[in-house]
């Protein structure tokens, strides 16, 4: 019994330590994702170790080491996840006024999964929620054709259908003062940047992203560089700003935390919950993969993970109020090291020409 427990505890500790290595490679960065799963397994290993040592009186070095490794793994993983629980301080304050008495903006953000053809579930959700902004990812021509008839009451749509699982569709009820489909670092991976005008005349910049996923056989510089490049843009953006999409990264990762420090944007999940948006098909294999970040101009009205729509991602719904109360708690400032590493990552990726990850997955 001691041997299997030691093996499991040791594996949990290795899985906990690997993401601490500052190496931008999928083989390392993939271990960022399964922190909740490692917490569960290391918790069981720790309980089994406690039974061996304290109940059965097994004081052998292997038994004690098993308990220590499981405990260390549990602590490391919990430190990363704890900010996304109600015990943590909230970065984004809850708006305590009347939403109909101030400028608000609601967003439906959904990775539809290109191979999913259950259009009715997605369009039904769109008609039920009636968001001000709708962002769809992995939209090929078939998805765009299915969604456009249900966007007739949106004043602006911006479509970039692609068959490589990186297509995007953006719809806005408000006028778009600026709109652009951008290929920031890879000619096959689009993003969208728009400036919308709210009902009170205020302008807001919205950026939608869907960078590459990490895979164990390649580095993650493409994903990291795109996220950090938008963080650098947000740092100097004078308008209220929202960044959203399937970032193919988890909320507690090294890259996302650096993004927040550089951009000075806020994560409304901190102090509230994980809102695990992937994998919608497997309850035991979930983590927060779809994100929204915002400038301190906004306070949270509503955040909700919506029912599944046939995709491997849950859709997410958000509503924010544009305020001038300045009650939010911004992230810590970026260090010189943060800025230098971001510049280096972006510069490296700009010099490379390569096919993105996952274009043949569908």
Protein backbone atom coordinates (compact mmCIF):
# COMPACT_ATOMS: atom_id res chain seq x y z
CA UNK A 1 0.00 0.00 0.00
CA UNK A 2 2.83 2.41 0.85
CA UNK A 3 4.43 2.05 -2.58
CA UNK A 4 1.39 3.11 -4.65
CA UNK A 5 0.69 6.04 -2.34
CA UNK A 6 4.29 7.21 -2.64
CA UNK A 7 4.09 6.95 -6.43
CA UNK A 8 0.89 8.99 -6.61
CA UNK A 9 2.18 11.59 -4.14
CA UNK A 10 5.45 11.89 -6.03
CA UNK A 11 3.63 12.35 -9.34
CA UNK A 12 1.48 15.09 -7.79
CA UNK A 13 4.54 16.88 -6.50
CA UNK A 14 6.25 16.71 -9.89
CA UNK A 15 3.08 18.00 -11.57
CA UNK A 16 3.05 20.86 -9.06
CA UNK A 17 6.70 21.83 -9.47
CA UNK A 18 6.98 21.64 -13.26
CA UNK A 19 4.85 24.75 -13.99
CA UNK A 20 7.15 26.77 -11.72
CA UNK A 21 9.95 26.34 -14.27
CA UNK A 22 10.09 29.49 -16.46
CA UNK A 23 10.13 27.58 -19.75
CA UNK A 24 7.65 28.44 -22.51
CA UNK A 25 7.08 24.92 -23.76
CA UNK A 26 3.85 22.97 -23.91
CA UNK A 27 5.37 19.99 -22.10
CA UNK A 28 5.84 22.24 -19.07
CA UNK A 29 2.99 24.72 -19.48
CA UNK A 30 0.39 21.96 -19.89
CA UNK A 31 0.78 21.22 -16.19
CA UNK A 32 -0.71 24.67 -15.47
CA UNK A 33 -4.12 23.37 -16.47
CA UNK A 34 -4.88 20.42 -14.21
CA UNK A 35 -4.36 22.11 -10.83
CA UNK A 36 -7.86 21.25 -9.61
CA UNK A 37 -7.37 17.63 -10.57
CA UNK A 38 -3.98 17.51 -8.83
CA UNK A 39 -5.55 19.07 -5.72
CA UNK A 40 -8.11 16.26 -5.65
CA UNK A 41 -5.57 13.48 -6.17
CA UNK A 42 -2.98 14.91 -3.77
CA UNK A 43 -5.71 15.37 -1.16
CA UNK A 44 -6.59 11.69 -1.44
CA UNK A 45 -2.91 10.72 -1.28
CA UNK A 46 -2.44 12.89 1.81
CA UNK A 47 -5.46 11.30 3.50
CA UNK A 48 -4.11 7.84 2.70
CA UNK A 49 -0.69 8.82 4.03
CA UNK A 50 -2.20 10.11 7.25
CA UNK A 51 -4.03 6.82 7.71
CA UNK A 52 -0.77 4.90 7.21
CA UNK A 53 1.30 7.07 9.56
CA UNK A 54 -1.17 8.06 12.27
CA UNK A 55 -3.69 5.20 12.30
CA UNK A 56 -1.68 2.17 11.26
CA UNK A 57 1.53 3.43 12.83
CA UNK A 58 3.66 3.08 9.70
CA UNK A 59 6.62 5.33 10.50
CA UNK A 60 8.85 4.15 7.67
CA UNK A 61 10.63 6.86 5.63
CA UNK A 62 8.55 5.98 2.56
CA UNK A 63 5.26 6.49 4.40
CA UNK A 64 6.37 9.80 5.93
CA UNK A 65 7.78 10.99 2.59
CA UNK A 66 4.50 10.10 0.86
CA UNK A 67 2.57 12.25 3.29
CA UNK A 68 5.06 15.12 2.95
CA UNK A 69 5.02 15.04 -0.87
CA UNK A 70 1.23 14.97 -1.01
CA UNK A 71 1.02 17.86 1.46
CA UNK A 72 3.57 19.93 -0.49
CA UNK A 73 1.68 19.35 -3.75
CA UNK A 74 -1.60 20.30 -2.12
CA UNK A 75 -0.13 23.55 -0.75
CA UNK A 76 1.48 24.57 -4.05
CA UNK A 77 -1.67 23.94 -6.06
CA UNK A 78 -3.96 25.61 -3.53
CA UNK A 79 -1.85 28.78 -3.53
CA UNK A 80 -2.49 29.14 -7.27
CA UNK A 81 -6.21 28.39 -7.15
CA UNK A 82 -7.13 30.22 -3.93
CA UNK A 83 -7.51 33.68 -5.55
CA UNK A 84 -10.44 32.27 -7.54
CA UNK A 85 -12.46 31.35 -4.48
CA UNK A 86 -14.76 33.47 -2.30
CA UNK A 87 -12.15 33.61 0.48
CA UNK A 88 -9.98 35.93 -1.64
CA UNK A 89 -10.29 39.69 -2.05
CA UNK A 90 -12.32 40.66 -5.12
CA UNK A 91 -10.48 42.62 -7.80
CA UNK A 92 -13.75 43.82 -9.35
CA UNK A 93 -16.40 45.34 -7.13
CA UNK A 94 -20.02 44.34 -7.52
CA UNK A 95 -22.04 47.22 -8.96
CA UNK A 96 -24.53 48.20 -6.26
CA UNK A 97 -26.57 50.73 -8.22
CA UNK A 98 -29.46 50.25 -10.62
CA UNK A 99 -28.21 48.86 -13.96
CA UNK A 100 -30.93 50.74 -15.84
CA UNK A 101 -29.60 54.05 -14.46
CA UNK A 102 -26.08 53.80 -15.84
CA UNK A 103 -24.28 52.68 -18.99
CA UNK A 104 -23.95 48.90 -19.04
CA UNK A 105 -22.61 46.40 -21.52
CA UNK A 106 -23.40 42.68 -21.74
CA UNK A 107 -21.35 40.10 -23.61
CA UNK A 108 -22.03 36.55 -24.74
CA UNK A 109 -18.71 34.81 -25.47
CA UNK A 110 -18.77 31.34 -26.97
CA UNK A 111 -16.29 28.97 -28.55
CA UNK A 112 -18.78 27.00 -30.65
CA UNK A 113 -16.29 24.26 -31.65
CA UNK A 114 -15.98 24.23 -35.41
CA UNK A 115 -17.06 20.59 -35.84
CA UNK A 116 -20.17 21.09 -33.68
CA UNK A 117 -23.27 21.52 -35.87
CA UNK A 118 -25.87 22.04 -33.15
CA UNK A 119 -26.60 25.56 -34.37
CA UNK A 120 -30.01 25.72 -32.67
CA UNK A 121 -28.57 25.57 -29.16
CA UNK A 122 -26.26 28.50 -29.85
CA UNK A 123 -28.86 30.63 -31.63
CA UNK A 124 -31.41 29.84 -28.92
CA UNK A 125 -29.00 31.07 -26.27
CA UNK A 126 -28.34 34.20 -28.31
CA UNK A 127 -32.04 34.97 -28.58
CA UNK A 128 -32.65 34.19 -24.91
CA UNK A 129 -29.84 36.38 -23.55
CA UNK A 130 -29.96 39.22 -26.09
CA UNK A 131 -26.42 40.44 -25.33
CA UNK A 132 -25.12 43.82 -26.44
CA UNK A 133 -21.99 42.11 -27.78
CA UNK A 134 -21.72 38.54 -29.09
CA UNK A 135 -18.34 36.93 -29.73
CA UNK A 136 -18.14 33.53 -31.39
CA UNK A 137 -14.92 31.58 -31.97
CA UNK A 138 -14.06 28.61 -34.22
CA UNK A 139 -16.62 29.84 -36.75
CA UNK A 140 -16.24 28.50 -40.27
CA UNK A 141 -18.50 29.52 -43.19
CA UNK A 142 -21.24 27.13 -42.08
CA UNK A 143 -21.32 28.64 -38.59
CA UNK A 144 -21.38 32.21 -39.92
CA UNK A 145 -24.23 31.36 -42.29
CA UNK A 146 -26.17 29.77 -39.42
CA UNK A 147 -25.64 32.67 -37.01
CA UNK A 148 -26.07 35.72 -39.27
CA UNK A 149 -29.89 35.38 -39.68
CA UNK A 150 -30.18 35.61 -35.90
CA UNK A 151 -28.09 38.79 -35.79
CA UNK A 152 -30.44 40.95 -37.86
CA UNK A 153 -31.13 43.28 -34.94
CA UNK A 154 -27.42 43.89 -34.40
CA UNK A 155 -26.27 47.07 -36.07
CA UNK A 156 -22.76 45.80 -36.80
CA UNK A 157 -21.24 42.38 -37.51
CA UNK A 158 -17.64 41.56 -38.23
CA UNK A 159 -16.99 38.06 -39.59
CA UNK A 160 -13.76 36.21 -40.28
CA UNK A 161 -14.84 32.66 -41.18
CA UNK A 162 -11.96 30.19 -41.34
CA UNK A 163 -11.81 26.41 -41.70
CA UNK A 164 -8.71 26.08 -39.48
CA UNK A 165 -10.62 26.37 -36.13
CA UNK A 166 -9.54 30.02 -35.66
CA UNK A 167 -12.51 31.75 -37.32
CA UNK A 168 -14.28 34.54 -35.43
CA UNK A 169 -17.60 36.38 -35.55
CA UNK A 170 -18.28 39.60 -33.64
CA UNK A 171 -21.68 41.29 -33.40
CA UNK A 172 -22.62 44.56 -31.71
CA UNK A 173 -25.93 46.26 -31.07
CA UNK A 174 -24.07 49.54 -30.64
CA UNK A 175 -22.31 51.47 -33.38
CA UNK A 176 -18.70 50.49 -33.98
CA UNK A 177 -16.60 53.62 -34.28
CA UNK A 178 -13.61 51.43 -35.13
CA UNK A 179 -13.50 47.82 -36.29
CA UNK A 180 -10.61 45.67 -37.40
CA UNK A 181 -9.80 42.01 -37.92
CA UNK A 182 -6.14 41.72 -37.02
CA UNK A 183 -3.55 39.01 -37.51
CA UNK A 184 -1.19 40.08 -34.77
CA UNK A 185 1.55 37.45 -34.99
CA UNK A 186 0.33 34.72 -37.32
CA UNK A 187 -1.41 35.08 -40.68
CA UNK A 188 -3.83 32.28 -39.79
CA UNK A 189 -4.82 33.39 -36.26
CA UNK A 190 -7.15 36.41 -36.24
CA UNK A 191 -8.24 38.66 -33.42
CA UNK A 192 -10.79 41.46 -33.42
CA UNK A 193 -10.42 44.99 -32.06
CA UNK A 194 -13.39 47.36 -32.00
CA UNK A 195 -14.42 50.64 -30.40
CA UNK A 196 -18.11 50.73 -29.55
CA UNK A 197 -20.21 53.72 -28.56
CA UNK A 198 -22.48 53.12 -25.57
CA UNK A 199 -25.85 54.76 -25.13
CA UNK A 200 -24.43 57.56 -22.96
CA UNK A 201 -21.89 58.51 -25.60
CA UNK A 202 -18.96 56.77 -23.91
CA UNK A 203 -16.58 54.80 -26.13
CA UNK A 204 -15.23 51.40 -25.09
CA UNK A 205 -12.54 49.31 -26.77
CA UNK A 206 -13.20 45.57 -26.97
CA UNK A 207 -10.57 43.05 -28.05
CA UNK A 208 -11.49 39.42 -28.77
CA UNK A 209 -8.73 36.81 -28.87
CA UNK A 210 -8.33 33.11 -29.60
CA UNK A 211 -4.60 32.32 -29.53
CA UNK A 212 -3.08 28.90 -30.07
CA UNK A 213 -3.50 26.08 -27.53
CA UNK A 214 -0.46 24.54 -25.85
CA UNK A 215 0.62 21.08 -26.98
CA UNK A 216 3.37 18.94 -25.42
CA UNK A 217 5.43 18.86 -28.62
CA UNK A 218 5.79 22.63 -29.21
CA UNK A 219 6.61 25.80 -27.36
CA UNK A 220 3.85 28.17 -26.24
CA UNK A 221 5.45 31.38 -27.49
CA UNK A 222 2.70 31.94 -30.08
CA UNK A 223 -0.01 31.94 -27.43
CA UNK A 224 2.03 33.80 -24.83
CA UNK A 225 3.19 36.48 -27.27
CA UNK A 226 -0.33 37.26 -28.49
CA UNK A 227 -1.67 37.56 -24.95
CA UNK A 228 1.25 39.74 -23.83
CA UNK A 229 1.10 41.92 -26.94
CA UNK A 230 -2.53 42.76 -26.17
CA UNK A 231 -1.47 43.40 -22.58
CA UNK A 232 1.06 45.97 -23.80
CA UNK A 233 -1.62 47.61 -25.96
CA UNK A 234 -4.02 47.75 -23.01
CA UNK A 235 -1.34 49.40 -20.90
CA UNK A 236 -1.45 52.50 -23.11
CA UNK A 237 -5.14 52.39 -24.09
CA UNK A 238 -6.89 55.63 -23.03
CA UNK A 239 -10.42 54.25 -23.42
CA UNK A 240 -12.25 51.92 -21.06
CA UNK A 241 -11.31 48.45 -22.28
CA UNK A 242 -12.49 44.82 -22.27
CA UNK A 243 -10.42 41.85 -23.45
CA UNK A 244 -12.22 38.54 -23.87
CA UNK A 245 -12.12 35.18 -25.60
CA UNK A 246 -10.82 31.65 -25.39
CA UNK A 247 -7.22 32.42 -24.47
CA UNK A 248 -6.19 28.74 -24.29
CA UNK A 249 -4.62 29.57 -20.94
CA UNK A 250 -5.81 29.27 -17.37
CA UNK A 251 -6.47 32.16 -15.03
CA UNK A 252 -3.61 31.32 -12.64
CA UNK A 253 -0.86 30.75 -15.21
CA UNK A 254 2.43 32.63 -15.34
CA UNK A 255 1.41 34.26 -18.66
CA UNK A 256 -2.04 35.39 -17.53
CA UNK A 257 -0.73 36.82 -14.26
CA UNK A 258 1.97 38.71 -16.18
CA UNK A 259 -0.69 39.92 -18.62
CA UNK A 260 -2.69 41.41 -15.74
CA UNK A 261 0.34 43.17 -14.29
CA UNK A 262 1.31 44.63 -17.66
CA UNK A 263 -2.16 45.57 -18.84
CA UNK A 264 -3.47 46.75 -15.44
CA UNK A 265 -6.75 45.06 -16.37
CA UNK A 266 -8.83 43.23 -13.76
CA UNK A 267 -10.20 39.69 -13.55
CA UNK A 268 -13.78 39.66 -12.19
CA UNK A 269 -13.45 35.98 -11.19
CA UNK A 270 -10.94 36.75 -8.45
CA UNK A 271 -12.69 36.43 -5.11
CA UNK A 272 -15.77 34.90 -6.77
CA UNK A 273 -15.13 31.55 -8.38
CA UNK A 274 -13.39 29.54 -11.04
CA UNK A 275 -16.14 29.55 -13.69
CA UNK A 276 -14.58 26.53 -15.40
CA UNK A 277 -15.54 26.84 -19.07
CA UNK A 278 -13.71 23.79 -20.45
CA UNK A 279 -14.27 20.82 -20.85
CA UNK A 280 -18.08 20.93 -21.15
CA UNK A 281 -18.18 17.21 -21.97
CA UNK A 282 -16.19 15.87 -19.01
CA UNK A 283 -17.00 17.07 -15.48
CA UNK A 284 -13.74 15.71 -14.09
CA UNK A 285 -11.55 17.54 -16.63
CA UNK A 286 -12.40 21.22 -16.27
CA UNK A 287 -10.55 24.50 -15.87
CA UNK A 288 -11.14 28.22 -16.59
CA UNK A 289 -10.12 28.62 -20.24
CA UNK A 290 -12.45 31.39 -21.42
CA UNK A 291 -11.71 34.79 -19.97
CA UNK A 292 -12.78 38.38 -19.67
CA UNK A 293 -10.59 41.19 -18.34
CA UNK A 294 -11.53 44.84 -17.99
CA UNK A 295 -10.16 48.22 -17.07
CA UNK A 296 -10.94 49.76 -13.69
CA UNK A 297 -13.74 51.81 -15.30
CA UNK A 298 -16.13 48.86 -14.95
CA UNK A 299 -17.88 47.15 -12.06
CA UNK A 300 -19.49 43.74 -12.29
CA UNK A 301 -23.24 43.36 -12.67
CA UNK A 302 -23.38 39.69 -13.67
CA UNK A 303 -21.12 36.77 -14.57
CA UNK A 304 -22.50 33.35 -15.47
CA UNK A 305 -21.41 30.12 -17.08
CA UNK A 306 -24.22 29.12 -19.41
CA UNK A 307 -25.58 25.66 -20.31
CA UNK A 308 -23.67 23.52 -22.85
CA UNK A 309 -24.34 24.03 -26.55
CA UNK A 310 -22.68 20.97 -28.06
CA UNK A 311 -19.20 22.49 -27.90
CA UNK A 312 -16.33 21.44 -25.67
CA UNK A 313 -16.60 24.94 -24.14
CA UNK A 314 -19.39 26.36 -22.03
CA UNK A 315 -20.58 29.78 -23.24
CA UNK A 316 -19.99 32.65 -20.83
CA UNK A 317 -22.22 35.65 -20.17
CA UNK A 318 -21.03 38.90 -18.60
CA UNK A 319 -22.57 42.28 -17.79
CA UNK A 320 -20.61 45.31 -16.60
CA UNK A 321 -21.53 48.81 -15.51
CA UNK A 322 -19.36 51.71 -16.62
CA UNK A 323 -18.71 53.79 -13.51
CA UNK A 324 -16.40 56.49 -12.18
CA UNK A 325 -16.32 55.31 -8.56
CA UNK A 326 -12.79 53.82 -8.77
CA UNK A 327 -13.57 51.18 -6.12
CA UNK A 328 -11.81 48.31 -7.87
CA UNK A 329 -8.59 46.75 -6.65
CA UNK A 330 -6.04 46.76 -9.48
CA UNK A 331 -3.41 44.04 -9.89
CA UNK A 332 0.16 44.74 -8.76
CA UNK A 333 2.25 46.76 -11.22
CA UNK A 334 4.50 45.10 -13.77
CA UNK A 335 8.18 44.80 -12.98
CA UNK A 336 10.97 45.64 -15.39
CA UNK A 337 11.41 41.89 -15.80
CA UNK A 338 7.76 41.50 -16.82
CA UNK A 339 8.07 44.16 -19.50
CA UNK A 340 11.40 42.89 -20.78
CA UNK A 341 10.22 39.28 -21.03
CA UNK A 342 7.02 40.35 -22.77
CA UNK A 343 8.98 42.39 -25.31
CA UNK A 344 11.37 39.51 -25.90
CA UNK A 345 8.54 36.97 -26.35
CA UNK A 346 6.68 39.20 -28.81
CA UNK A 347 9.84 40.03 -30.78
CA UNK A 348 10.75 36.35 -31.03
CA UNK A 349 7.31 35.37 -32.32
CA UNK A 350 7.23 38.20 -34.88
CA UNK A 351 10.33 36.74 -36.52
CA UNK A 352 8.83 33.28 -36.98
CA UNK A 353 6.69 32.02 -39.84
CA UNK A 354 4.89 28.78 -39.05
CA UNK A 355 1.52 27.11 -39.17
CA UNK A 356 -0.51 27.51 -35.96
CA UNK A 357 -1.32 24.59 -33.68
CA UNK A 358 -4.51 22.62 -34.21
CA UNK A 359 -5.50 23.56 -37.75
CA UNK A 360 -6.11 19.87 -38.55
CA UNK A 361 -7.98 18.95 -35.36
CA UNK A 362 -11.47 19.33 -36.82
